[in-house]
Amino acid sequence: MIFTETGISGAYCIDLELIKDNRGFFARMWCEKEFKEHGLNSNLVQCNLSYNISRGTLRGMHYQSAPYEEAKLVTCIAGSIYDVILDLRRDSPTFRQWKAFELSASNYRMLYIPEGVAHGFQTLQDDTCVFYQLSDFYHPEAAWGVRWDDPSFGMEWPITEKIMSKKDQAYDWWSE
């Protein structure tokens, strides 16, 4: 695995090192030892799958509050997404900054998102599946979000027409 810093403190793009032959390829997607060597939370306790029917589906910007903050390891296993992370950690040198990455079934890229960083994505294709590994269990009472279009952050999204849940549309504007 190749770990590349994203510009958001503690977040990494992880590219697979493909071992190819005439059958296809083999690649390691998880190694507790390598994650620990990079100072990443390697305690993965839950996996989730998000299937998205239509291009333009936007999910986010989600996070869990203390004491249930979670790190995420996200990969796209079918289709492609525009994946966005937003640093909400007040003590972080990248507080209030956001970055976006394309994850797809064909680029085999993963994104490690540390605790305290909000996450969202927009599908770039129909029939897109996103696979998450999480460092903490889901706690509904700690599940929060910020608006995808909050002018405080200036996040940009590639597809104008968005398909969203009412919950994601109803998040409040950011306030400190």
Protein backbone atom coordinates (compact mmCIF):
# COMPACT_ATOMS: atom_id res chain seq x y z
CA MET A 1 0.00 0.00 0.00
CA ILE A 2 1.17 3.51 -0.80
CA PHE A 3 0.15 6.15 1.77
CA THR A 4 -0.04 9.75 0.50
CA GLU A 5 -0.86 12.73 2.72
CA THR A 6 -3.95 14.60 1.54
CA GLY A 7 -3.36 18.10 2.88
CA ILE A 8 -5.83 17.50 5.72
CA SER A 9 -3.94 16.65 8.89
CA GLY A 10 -4.01 12.87 9.52
CA ALA A 11 -5.96 11.99 6.34
CA TYR A 12 -4.36 9.80 3.66
CA CYS A 13 -5.06 8.54 0.18
CA ILE A 14 -4.03 4.92 0.03
CA ASP A 15 -3.21 3.39 -3.32
CA LEU A 16 -2.92 -0.33 -3.71
CA GLU A 17 0.24 -1.95 -4.96
CA LEU A 18 -1.05 -4.35 -7.58
CA ILE A 19 0.75 -7.64 -8.12
CA LYS A 20 -0.31 -8.49 -11.67
CA ASP A 21 -0.13 -11.62 -13.76
CA ASN A 22 -2.11 -13.20 -16.59
CA ARG A 23 -5.06 -13.86 -14.26
CA GLY A 24 -5.45 -10.27 -13.09
CA PHE A 25 -3.96 -8.88 -9.90
CA PHE A 26 -3.69 -9.32 -6.16
CA ALA A 27 -3.44 -6.43 -3.68
CA ARG A 28 -3.43 -5.97 0.05
CA MET A 29 -6.14 -3.53 1.20
CA TRP A 30 -5.59 -3.68 4.94
CA CYS A 31 -2.56 -4.14 7.18
CA GLU A 32 -2.81 -3.27 10.85
CA LYS A 33 0.99 -2.99 11.10
CA GLU A 34 1.28 -0.48 8.22
CA PHE A 35 -1.61 1.62 9.52
CA LYS A 36 -0.01 1.79 12.97
CA GLU A 37 3.35 2.72 11.40
CA HIS A 38 1.64 5.74 9.81
CA GLY A 39 0.01 6.70 13.14
CA LEU A 40 -3.47 5.77 11.93
CA ASN A 41 -6.26 4.23 13.98
CA SER A 42 -6.15 0.53 13.13
CA ASN A 43 -9.09 -0.48 15.34
CA LEU A 44 -11.73 -1.36 12.74
CA VAL A 45 -14.95 -2.64 14.32
CA GLN A 46 -17.69 -2.16 11.73
CA CYS A 47 -18.12 -2.29 7.94
CA ASN A 48 -20.85 -0.55 5.94
CA LEU A 49 -21.93 -0.62 2.30
CA SER A 50 -23.67 2.27 0.54
CA TYR A 51 -25.40 1.45 -2.76
CA ASN A 52 -26.44 4.45 -4.84
CA ILE A 53 -28.82 4.04 -7.77
CA SER A 54 -28.27 7.34 -9.56
CA ARG A 55 -25.44 9.61 -10.64
CA GLY A 56 -25.49 12.84 -8.59
CA THR A 57 -26.47 11.22 -5.29
CA LEU A 58 -24.90 13.25 -2.49
CA ARG A 59 -24.44 11.83 1.01
CA GLY A 60 -22.93 14.00 3.69
CA MET A 61 -21.32 15.80 5.36
CA HIS A 62 -21.37 13.28 8.24
CA TYR A 63 -19.39 12.76 11.43
CA GLN A 64 -19.83 11.34 14.95
CA SER A 65 -19.24 13.56 17.97
CA ALA A 66 -17.20 12.73 21.07
CA PRO A 67 -16.90 10.35 22.73
CA TYR A 68 -17.86 8.26 19.69
CA GLU A 69 -15.69 9.88 17.04
CA GLU A 70 -14.75 7.45 14.30
CA ALA A 71 -12.00 7.04 11.77
CA LYS A 72 -13.12 5.75 8.37
CA LEU A 73 -11.44 3.83 5.59
CA VAL A 74 -13.50 4.38 2.43
CA THR A 75 -13.24 2.76 -0.99
CA CYS A 76 -15.49 2.67 -4.03
CA ILE A 77 -16.08 -0.90 -5.22
CA ALA A 78 -18.43 -0.14 -8.13
CA GLY A 79 -18.78 3.07 -10.14
CA SER A 80 -17.07 6.24 -8.96
CA ILE A 81 -17.43 9.02 -6.40
CA TYR A 82 -16.24 12.53 -5.70
CA ASP A 83 -15.24 12.07 -2.05
CA VAL A 84 -15.00 15.12 0.23
CA ILE A 85 -13.45 15.49 3.67
CA LEU A 86 -13.80 18.55 5.92
CA ASP A 87 -11.65 19.10 9.00
CA LEU A 88 -13.84 20.06 11.98
CA ARG A 89 -11.15 19.58 14.66
CA ARG A 90 -10.65 22.95 16.35
CA ASP A 91 -7.07 22.09 17.41
CA SER A 92 -6.02 20.94 13.92
CA PRO A 93 -3.69 22.99 11.71
CA THR A 94 -6.13 22.29 8.84
CA PHE A 95 -9.31 23.25 10.76
CA ARG A 96 -12.16 24.26 8.39
CA GLN A 97 -10.26 23.12 5.30
CA TRP A 98 -11.70 20.62 2.82
CA LYS A 99 -10.26 18.38 0.12
CA ALA A 100 -11.85 16.19 -2.55
CA PHE A 101 -10.68 13.00 -4.25
CA GLU A 102 -12.02 10.72 -6.92
CA LEU A 103 -12.41 7.14 -5.74
CA SER A 104 -13.48 4.54 -8.27
CA ALA A 105 -13.71 0.85 -8.89
CA SER A 106 -11.00 1.29 -11.51
CA ASN A 107 -8.44 3.37 -9.58
CA TYR A 108 -8.48 1.13 -6.45
CA ARG A 109 -7.85 4.16 -4.22
CA MET A 110 -8.91 4.28 -0.59
CA LEU A 111 -9.28 7.29 1.68
CA TYR A 112 -8.41 7.21 5.38
CA ILE A 113 -10.42 9.82 7.29
CA PRO A 114 -9.37 10.51 10.90
CA GLU A 115 -11.68 11.16 13.82
CA GLY A 116 -13.23 14.63 13.83
CA VAL A 117 -13.20 15.01 10.05
CA ALA A 118 -16.60 15.16 8.32
CA HIS A 119 -17.13 13.02 5.24
CA GLY A 120 -19.43 13.08 2.25
CA PHE A 121 -19.50 12.04 -1.37
CA GLN A 122 -21.33 12.54 -4.64
CA THR A 123 -21.73 9.69 -7.10
CA LEU A 124 -20.29 10.24 -10.57
CA GLN A 125 -22.01 7.21 -12.09
CA ASP A 126 -25.22 5.22 -11.71
CA ASP A 127 -25.04 2.02 -9.63
CA THR A 128 -22.18 3.08 -7.39
CA CYS A 129 -21.19 1.14 -4.24
CA VAL A 130 -19.06 2.57 -1.45
CA PHE A 131 -17.51 0.33 1.23
CA TYR A 132 -16.59 1.78 4.66
CA GLN A 133 -14.57 0.35 7.51
CA LEU A 134 -15.08 2.21 10.80
CA SER A 135 -13.14 2.46 14.06
CA ASP A 136 -16.26 2.79 16.24
CA PHE A 137 -19.79 1.51 16.18
CA TYR A 138 -22.63 3.70 14.97
CA HIS A 139 -24.18 5.75 17.78
CA PRO A 140 -27.32 7.57 16.57
CA GLU A 141 -27.12 10.08 19.42
CA ALA A 142 -23.64 11.13 18.24
CA ALA A 143 -24.42 11.24 14.50
CA TRP A 144 -24.14 14.80 13.17
CA GLY A 145 -23.52 16.63 9.97
CA VAL A 146 -22.84 19.98 8.38
CA ARG A 147 -24.42 21.33 5.23
CA TRP A 148 -22.86 20.34 1.95
CA ASP A 149 -23.36 23.90 0.66
CA ASP A 150 -22.33 25.88 3.75
CA PRO A 151 -20.63 29.08 2.54
CA SER A 152 -18.33 28.95 5.60
CA PHE A 153 -16.39 26.19 3.83
CA GLY A 154 -16.97 26.79 0.11
CA MET A 155 -17.06 23.10 -0.80
CA GLU A 156 -17.49 22.49 -4.52
CA TRP A 157 -19.45 19.60 -6.03
CA PRO A 158 -19.15 18.39 -9.63
CA ILE A 159 -22.81 17.66 -10.42
CA THR A 160 -25.35 20.48 -10.09
CA GLU A 161 -28.47 18.36 -9.73
CA LYS A 162 -28.19 16.54 -6.41
CA ILE A 163 -30.20 13.63 -5.05
CA MET A 164 -30.16 13.92 -1.26
CA SER A 165 -31.95 12.70 1.85
CA LYS A 166 -34.13 15.17 3.72
CA LYS A 167 -31.87 14.70 6.73
CA ASP A 168 -28.74 15.77 4.81
CA GLN A 169 -30.59 18.77 3.37
CA ALA A 170 -31.73 19.86 6.84
CA TYR A 171 -28.35 20.13 8.61
CA ASP A 172 -27.72 23.51 10.16
CA TRP A 173 -25.23 26.06 8.93
CA TRP A 174 -21.85 25.83 10.68
CA SER A 175 -21.41 27.97 13.77
CA GLU A 176 -18.47 28.11 16.09
